Amino acid sequence: MGTVESRQSLSQPISALTKSKAAYKEPWRKTPWGGREELLTGLKAYVPRNADIEHVRILLDGPVGAGKSSFINSINNIFQNKTTSKALADSAMADQSFTITYKTHKIENRQTGLYYPFVFNDVMGFEKASGKGVHGDDLSKALTGHVKENHKFNPISPLTEGDRGYNDNPSSSDRAHCLVSLMPADKISLIDDDVVKKMRTIRLVARDLGIPQVVILTRVDLACPLVKKNLKEVYQSKYIKNMMKTCSIRLGVPVNCILPVKNYHEEIDLDKDMDVLLLRALKQIIDFGDDFLKEMAVPVLTITSVCTMSVTV
């Protein structure tokens, strides 16, 4: 639930005494503040090490309101050097998923008119209630590339072989190369156990497929007054580190695979500090995905041969 100090109103000034209790003296994780352009240049120059696969496919999941679409838009903002709305996003307070179709989001290289060799796929958010949110079987099929572009998700009836939206013969580029779960830092303790169970089940499917996994911790500014005042203190905030530990325990993901960010939401101008956290997260995602591309040497297995578990909804 957090301490009184860490949960104080965001509108209240942060005293030196309060800050000393809520923050470490030094950041516990190094961050290249001021290194935005270097990070961006490196990502723009990325080329997949597997010549047979055209891009790293990044599959996003998470509870409703975690910021999946906003994360895609935030990354696109940086590469386009302006605010954009590539993936339609709803308010974080929404109680049902705004994303209902399976769509690939590409990042355009404005100089060439081509696209960078990494893409994002957003899916419906996880929900507690039965028959609501993304069905675990659909997400499992997305991991192996069996979901066609623009397939409309049905929470009650998951995609099956022979359906119009089922991809019978997925290529290595159709499958997911990194699973990225988004979790809201200000709501981690409130996320229902049933939602977490669904997320952990998908993690196990990804594990059995050898797909690397990353967790993006969103809304860090809303979770901690120190970070709201100064984003550079994200790795000095005791509350944020505690939330990362909580996330690690609930999802079973190592802390070094959990990366805090602030998505673009109300801003109309780009912010270098926000960009550094977002680009650093993207770099780790692509590094993990590229390692997986290099290791891929066998055809995509069918969903029935690798996934015998399903999520009860």
Protein backbone atom coordinates (compact mmCIF):
# COMPACT_ATOMS: atom_id res chain seq x y z
CA MET A 1 0.00 0.00 0.00
CA GLY A 2 2.99 2.36 0.52
CA THR A 3 4.00 4.64 3.38
CA VAL A 4 2.31 7.90 4.33
CA GLU A 5 5.28 9.78 2.94
CA SER A 6 5.15 8.01 -0.41
CA ARG A 7 1.39 8.40 -0.67
CA GLN A 8 1.17 12.06 0.29
CA SER A 9 -0.92 14.27 -2.00
CA LEU A 10 0.80 15.20 -5.22
CA SER A 11 -0.29 18.78 -4.62
CA GLN A 12 1.64 19.12 -1.36
CA PRO A 13 5.22 20.43 -1.33
CA ILE A 14 7.90 17.86 -0.59
CA SER A 15 9.90 18.85 2.46
CA ALA A 16 13.57 17.98 2.89
CA LEU A 17 12.63 15.68 5.79
CA THR A 18 9.97 13.89 3.76
CA LYS A 19 12.33 13.51 0.83
CA SER A 20 15.07 12.04 3.01
CA LYS A 21 12.62 9.36 4.15
CA ALA A 22 11.18 8.69 0.70
CA ALA A 23 14.36 8.71 -1.39
CA TYR A 24 17.75 7.02 -1.49
CA LYS A 25 20.76 9.33 -1.37
CA GLU A 26 21.96 8.02 -4.73
CA PRO A 27 20.14 6.38 -7.67
CA TRP A 28 20.25 2.59 -7.37
CA ARG A 29 20.26 2.17 -11.17
CA LYS A 30 22.37 4.23 -13.57
CA THR A 31 20.49 6.20 -16.20
CA PRO A 32 22.05 8.08 -19.15
CA TRP A 33 20.28 11.38 -18.53
CA GLY A 34 21.33 13.63 -21.34
CA GLY A 35 21.89 10.63 -23.62
CA ARG A 36 18.64 10.89 -25.57
CA GLU A 37 20.24 11.47 -28.96
CA GLU A 38 22.76 8.67 -28.55
CA LEU A 39 20.03 6.21 -27.59
CA LEU A 40 17.82 7.34 -30.46
CA THR A 41 20.65 7.19 -33.01
CA GLY A 42 21.53 3.64 -31.94
CA LEU A 43 17.92 2.46 -32.23
CA LYS A 44 17.49 4.07 -35.63
CA ALA A 45 20.56 2.19 -36.84
CA TYR A 46 19.35 -1.21 -35.57
CA VAL A 47 19.46 -4.09 -38.07
CA PRO A 48 18.16 -7.58 -37.09
CA ARG A 49 20.94 -10.16 -36.82
CA ASN A 50 18.74 -12.79 -38.46
CA ALA A 51 18.56 -11.87 -42.15
CA ASP A 52 15.55 -14.15 -42.66
CA ILE A 53 13.35 -12.09 -40.29
CA GLU A 54 12.39 -8.56 -41.26
CA HIS A 55 11.67 -7.13 -37.82
CA VAL A 56 11.44 -7.71 -34.09
CA ARG A 57 7.77 -8.17 -33.24
CA ILE A 58 6.91 -6.83 -29.78
CA LEU A 59 3.67 -8.14 -28.27
CA LEU A 60 2.16 -5.96 -25.54
CA ASP A 61 -0.18 -7.21 -22.83
CA GLY A 62 -1.40 -6.01 -19.46
CA PRO A 63 -4.51 -5.04 -17.53
CA VAL A 64 -6.99 -2.51 -18.88
CA GLY A 65 -5.65 1.03 -18.47
CA ALA A 66 -1.99 0.01 -18.11
CA GLY A 67 -0.95 2.21 -21.04
CA LYS A 68 -0.23 -0.24 -23.86
CA SER A 69 -1.45 2.02 -26.66
CA SER A 70 0.04 5.07 -24.96
CA PHE A 71 3.43 3.33 -24.87
CA ILE A 72 3.29 2.77 -28.64
CA ASN A 73 2.32 6.40 -29.17
CA SER A 74 5.09 7.58 -26.85
CA ILE A 75 7.74 5.66 -28.79
CA ASN A 76 6.33 6.97 -32.07
CA ASN A 77 6.40 10.53 -30.68
CA ILE A 78 10.15 10.28 -30.15
CA PHE A 79 10.92 8.89 -33.60
CA GLN A 80 8.66 11.42 -35.33
CA ASN A 81 9.88 14.27 -33.06
CA LYS A 82 6.32 15.38 -32.38
CA THR A 83 3.23 14.22 -30.51
CA THR A 84 1.24 11.58 -32.41
CA SER A 85 -1.73 9.28 -31.98
CA LYS A 86 -0.72 6.18 -33.93
CA ALA A 87 -2.47 3.73 -31.62
CA LEU A 88 -5.85 4.95 -30.41
CA ALA A 89 -5.81 5.16 -26.63
CA ASP A 90 -8.50 5.63 -24.01
CA SER A 91 -8.37 7.12 -20.54
CA ALA A 92 -6.47 5.11 -17.94
CA MET A 93 -9.63 5.28 -15.82
CA ALA A 94 -11.61 3.26 -18.38
CA ASP A 95 -13.06 0.02 -17.02
CA GLN A 96 -12.93 -1.92 -20.29
CA SER A 97 -10.43 -2.38 -23.07
CA PHE A 98 -10.37 0.24 -25.83
CA THR A 99 -8.32 -1.97 -28.15
CA ILE A 100 -10.48 -4.67 -29.76
CA THR A 101 -8.55 -5.72 -32.89
CA TYR A 102 -5.12 -7.20 -33.52
CA LYS A 103 -3.10 -4.59 -35.35
CA THR A 104 0.58 -4.17 -36.17
CA HIS A 105 1.96 -0.71 -35.42
CA LYS A 106 5.04 0.31 -37.40
CA ILE A 107 7.35 3.25 -36.78
CA GLU A 108 8.06 5.26 -39.91
CA ASN A 109 11.48 6.54 -40.87
CA ARG A 110 10.49 10.00 -42.06
CA GLN A 111 13.67 10.42 -44.07
CA THR A 112 13.24 7.31 -46.20
CA GLY A 113 9.51 6.67 -45.97
CA LEU A 114 10.30 3.10 -44.91
CA TYR A 115 9.80 1.56 -41.47
CA TYR A 116 12.21 0.71 -38.69
CA PRO A 117 12.77 -3.05 -38.17
CA PHE A 118 10.67 -3.38 -35.05
CA VAL A 119 6.88 -3.45 -34.74
CA PHE A 120 4.33 -3.47 -31.92
CA ASN A 121 1.16 -5.51 -31.52
CA ASP A 122 -1.40 -4.30 -29.01
CA VAL A 123 -4.19 -6.53 -27.70
CA MET A 124 -7.22 -6.18 -25.49
CA GLY A 125 -6.42 -5.68 -21.84
CA PHE A 126 -6.83 -8.39 -19.20
CA GLU A 127 -9.96 -8.11 -17.06
CA LYS A 128 -11.08 -9.96 -13.96
CA ALA A 129 -14.56 -10.95 -15.06
CA SER A 130 -15.22 -14.06 -17.10
CA GLY A 131 -15.95 -13.25 -20.73
CA LYS A 132 -14.25 -9.86 -20.50
CA GLY A 133 -10.93 -8.68 -21.89
CA VAL A 134 -8.46 -10.63 -23.99
CA HIS A 135 -8.85 -14.42 -23.90
CA GLY A 136 -5.67 -16.19 -22.89
CA ASP A 137 -5.93 -18.61 -25.81
CA ASP A 138 -5.95 -15.69 -28.27
CA LEU A 139 -2.85 -14.22 -26.70
CA SER A 140 -1.12 -17.60 -26.85
CA LYS A 141 -1.91 -17.79 -30.56
CA ALA A 142 -0.59 -14.26 -31.05
CA LEU A 143 2.72 -15.36 -29.54
CA THR A 144 3.10 -18.00 -32.26
CA GLY A 145 1.83 -15.81 -35.10
CA HIS A 146 -1.52 -17.54 -35.61
CA VAL A 147 -3.58 -14.33 -35.36
CA LYS A 148 -4.18 -12.45 -38.61
CA GLU A 149 -3.93 -8.70 -38.93
CA ASN A 150 -7.16 -6.86 -37.95
CA HIS A 151 -8.68 -9.91 -36.27
CA LYS A 152 -11.41 -8.72 -33.91
CA PHE A 153 -11.07 -10.30 -30.49
CA ASN A 154 -14.02 -12.06 -28.91
CA PRO A 155 -13.54 -12.46 -25.13
CA ILE A 156 -16.15 -15.22 -25.00
CA SER A 157 -15.11 -17.23 -28.04
CA PRO A 158 -11.34 -17.44 -28.67
CA LEU A 159 -9.89 -17.86 -32.13
CA THR A 160 -9.72 -21.45 -33.40
CA GLU A 161 -8.19 -23.15 -36.41
CA GLY A 162 -10.35 -22.60 -39.47
CA ASP A 163 -11.68 -19.21 -38.34
CA ARG A 164 -11.30 -16.27 -40.72
CA GLY A 165 -8.83 -14.58 -38.38
CA TYR A 166 -6.65 -17.68 -37.91
CA ASN A 167 -3.27 -17.72 -39.66
CA ASP A 168 -2.67 -21.33 -40.71
CA ASN A 169 0.92 -20.87 -41.81
CA PRO A 170 2.68 -18.13 -39.82
CA SER A 171 6.15 -17.04 -40.85
CA SER A 172 8.98 -16.44 -38.41
CA SER A 173 8.26 -12.71 -38.78
CA ASP A 174 4.60 -13.23 -37.75
CA ARG A 175 5.41 -14.64 -34.33
CA ALA A 176 6.25 -12.54 -31.28
CA HIS A 177 9.92 -12.08 -30.47
CA CYS A 178 9.49 -10.33 -27.13
CA LEU A 179 6.55 -10.28 -24.73
CA VAL A 180 6.18 -6.94 -22.98
CA SER A 181 3.77 -6.69 -20.06
CA LEU A 182 2.72 -3.24 -18.90
CA MET A 183 1.75 -2.59 -15.30
CA PRO A 184 0.57 0.73 -13.77
CA ALA A 185 2.81 1.67 -10.85
CA ASP A 186 0.01 3.45 -9.02
CA LYS A 187 -2.32 0.44 -9.16
CA ILE A 188 -0.11 -2.65 -8.82
CA SER A 189 -1.38 -3.55 -5.36
CA LEU A 190 -4.98 -3.09 -6.53
CA ILE A 191 -4.82 -5.34 -9.60
CA ASP A 192 -6.99 -8.38 -9.00
CA ASP A 193 -5.29 -11.72 -8.42
CA ASP A 194 -7.28 -13.27 -11.28
CA VAL A 195 -5.79 -10.74 -13.72
CA VAL A 196 -2.28 -11.45 -12.42
CA LYS A 197 -2.91 -15.19 -12.75
CA LYS A 198 -3.84 -14.74 -16.41
CA MET A 199 -0.70 -12.71 -17.03
CA ARG A 200 1.49 -15.30 -15.31
CA THR A 201 -0.07 -18.07 -17.41
CA ILE A 202 0.82 -16.23 -20.62
CA ARG A 203 4.33 -15.74 -19.27
CA LEU A 204 4.64 -19.51 -18.92
CA VAL A 205 3.51 -19.99 -22.52
CA ALA A 206 6.11 -17.45 -23.67
CA ARG A 207 8.73 -19.18 -21.53
CA ASP A 208 8.00 -22.55 -23.14
CA LEU A 209 8.39 -20.90 -26.54
CA GLY A 210 11.69 -19.35 -25.49
CA ILE A 211 10.31 -15.82 -25.98
CA PRO A 212 12.07 -13.20 -23.79
CA GLN A 213 9.98 -11.02 -21.52
CA VAL A 214 10.12 -7.47 -20.21
CA VAL A 215 7.81 -5.55 -17.88
CA ILE A 216 7.18 -1.83 -18.36
CA LEU A 217 6.09 -0.02 -15.21
CA THR A 218 3.91 2.91 -16.30
CA ARG A 219 2.38 5.91 -14.49
CA VAL A 220 5.38 6.30 -12.19
CA ASP A 221 4.70 10.03 -11.88
CA LEU A 222 1.22 9.34 -10.53
CA ALA A 223 2.51 6.75 -8.09
CA CYS A 224 5.14 8.90 -6.36
CA PRO A 225 5.21 12.65 -5.56
CA LEU A 226 9.01 12.75 -5.83
CA VAL A 227 8.89 11.43 -9.38
CA LYS A 228 5.96 13.70 -10.22
CA LYS A 229 8.14 16.67 -9.28
CA ASN A 230 11.33 15.37 -10.90
CA LEU A 231 11.34 12.34 -13.19
CA LYS A 232 15.10 12.00 -12.77
CA GLU A 233 14.49 10.77 -9.23
CA VAL A 234 12.68 7.66 -10.44
CA TYR A 235 15.61 5.47 -9.33
CA GLN A 236 15.94 7.28 -6.02
CA SER A 237 12.30 6.83 -5.06
CA LYS A 238 11.93 4.13 -2.43
CA TYR A 239 8.26 3.78 -3.34
CA ILE A 240 8.97 3.10 -7.01
CA LYS A 241 11.59 0.50 -6.12
CA ASN A 242 9.11 -1.15 -3.76
CA MET A 243 6.54 -1.23 -6.55
CA MET A 244 9.11 -2.82 -8.86
CA LYS A 245 9.75 -5.48 -6.20
CA THR A 246 6.00 -6.01 -5.79
CA CYS A 247 5.63 -6.35 -9.55
CA SER A 248 8.51 -8.83 -9.59
CA ILE A 249 6.85 -10.97 -6.94
CA ARG A 250 3.36 -10.85 -8.44
CA LEU A 251 4.40 -11.60 -12.04
CA GLY A 252 7.54 -13.64 -11.34
CA VAL A 253 9.78 -11.35 -13.40
CA PRO A 254 13.32 -10.40 -12.27
CA VAL A 255 13.69 -6.76 -11.22
CA ASN A 256 16.36 -6.22 -13.90
CA CYS A 257 13.67 -6.93 -16.50
CA ILE A 258 11.33 -4.28 -15.08
CA LEU A 259 11.69 -0.76 -16.49
CA PRO A 260 9.78 2.30 -15.23
CA VAL A 261 8.56 4.90 -17.73
CA LYS A 262 6.25 7.85 -18.03
CA ASN A 263 4.11 7.69 -21.17
CA TYR A 264 3.04 10.79 -23.03
CA HIS A 265 -0.50 11.58 -22.01
CA GLU A 266 -1.20 15.24 -21.31
CA GLU A 267 2.01 16.68 -22.79
CA ILE A 268 2.00 18.39 -26.20
CA ASP A 269 5.77 18.93 -26.32
CA LEU A 270 8.49 16.29 -26.09
CA ASP A 271 10.41 15.90 -22.85
CA LYS A 272 14.03 14.68 -22.92
CA ASP A 273 13.86 12.93 -19.55
CA MET A 274 10.71 11.04 -20.49
CA ASP A 275 12.34 10.09 -23.77
CA VAL A 276 15.45 8.71 -22.08
CA LEU A 277 13.41 6.28 -19.95
CA LEU A 278 11.26 5.27 -22.93
CA LEU A 279 14.22 4.77 -25.27
CA ARG A 280 16.17 2.83 -22.66
CA ALA A 281 13.18 0.53 -22.23
CA LEU A 282 12.86 0.10 -26.00
CA LYS A 283 16.57 -0.68 -26.29
CA GLN A 284 16.33 -3.50 -23.75
CA ILE A 285 13.23 -4.87 -25.48
CA ILE A 286 14.93 -4.86 -28.88
CA ASP A 287 18.17 -6.29 -27.45
CA PHE A 288 16.20 -9.21 -25.94
CA GLY A 289 14.16 -9.67 -29.12
CA ASP A 290 17.23 -9.59 -31.33
CA ASP A 291 18.93 -12.25 -29.20
CA PHE A 292 15.84 -14.40 -29.75
CA LEU A 293 15.93 -13.78 -33.52
CA LYS A 294 19.51 -14.99 -33.64
CA GLU A 295 18.60 -18.18 -31.80
CA MET A 296 15.63 -18.98 -34.01
CA ALA A 297 16.56 -21.92 -36.21
CA VAL A 298 13.38 -24.01 -36.35
CA PRO A 299 9.96 -23.41 -37.92
CA VAL A 300 7.17 -21.98 -35.80
CA LEU A 301 5.51 -24.81 -33.89
CA THR A 302 1.76 -25.18 -33.92
CA ILE A 303 -0.12 -23.79 -30.97
CA THR A 304 -1.35 -27.24 -29.98
CA SER A 305 2.16 -28.65 -29.75
CA VAL A 306 3.56 -26.01 -27.42
CA CYS A 307 0.58 -24.66 -25.57
CA THR A 308 -1.41 -27.14 -23.59
CA MET A 309 -2.47 -24.65 -20.95
CA SER A 310 -5.23 -22.09 -21.38
CA VAL A 311 -6.52 -19.20 -19.30
CA THR A 312 -9.91 -19.72 -17.74
CA VAL A 313 -12.16 -16.78 -18.50
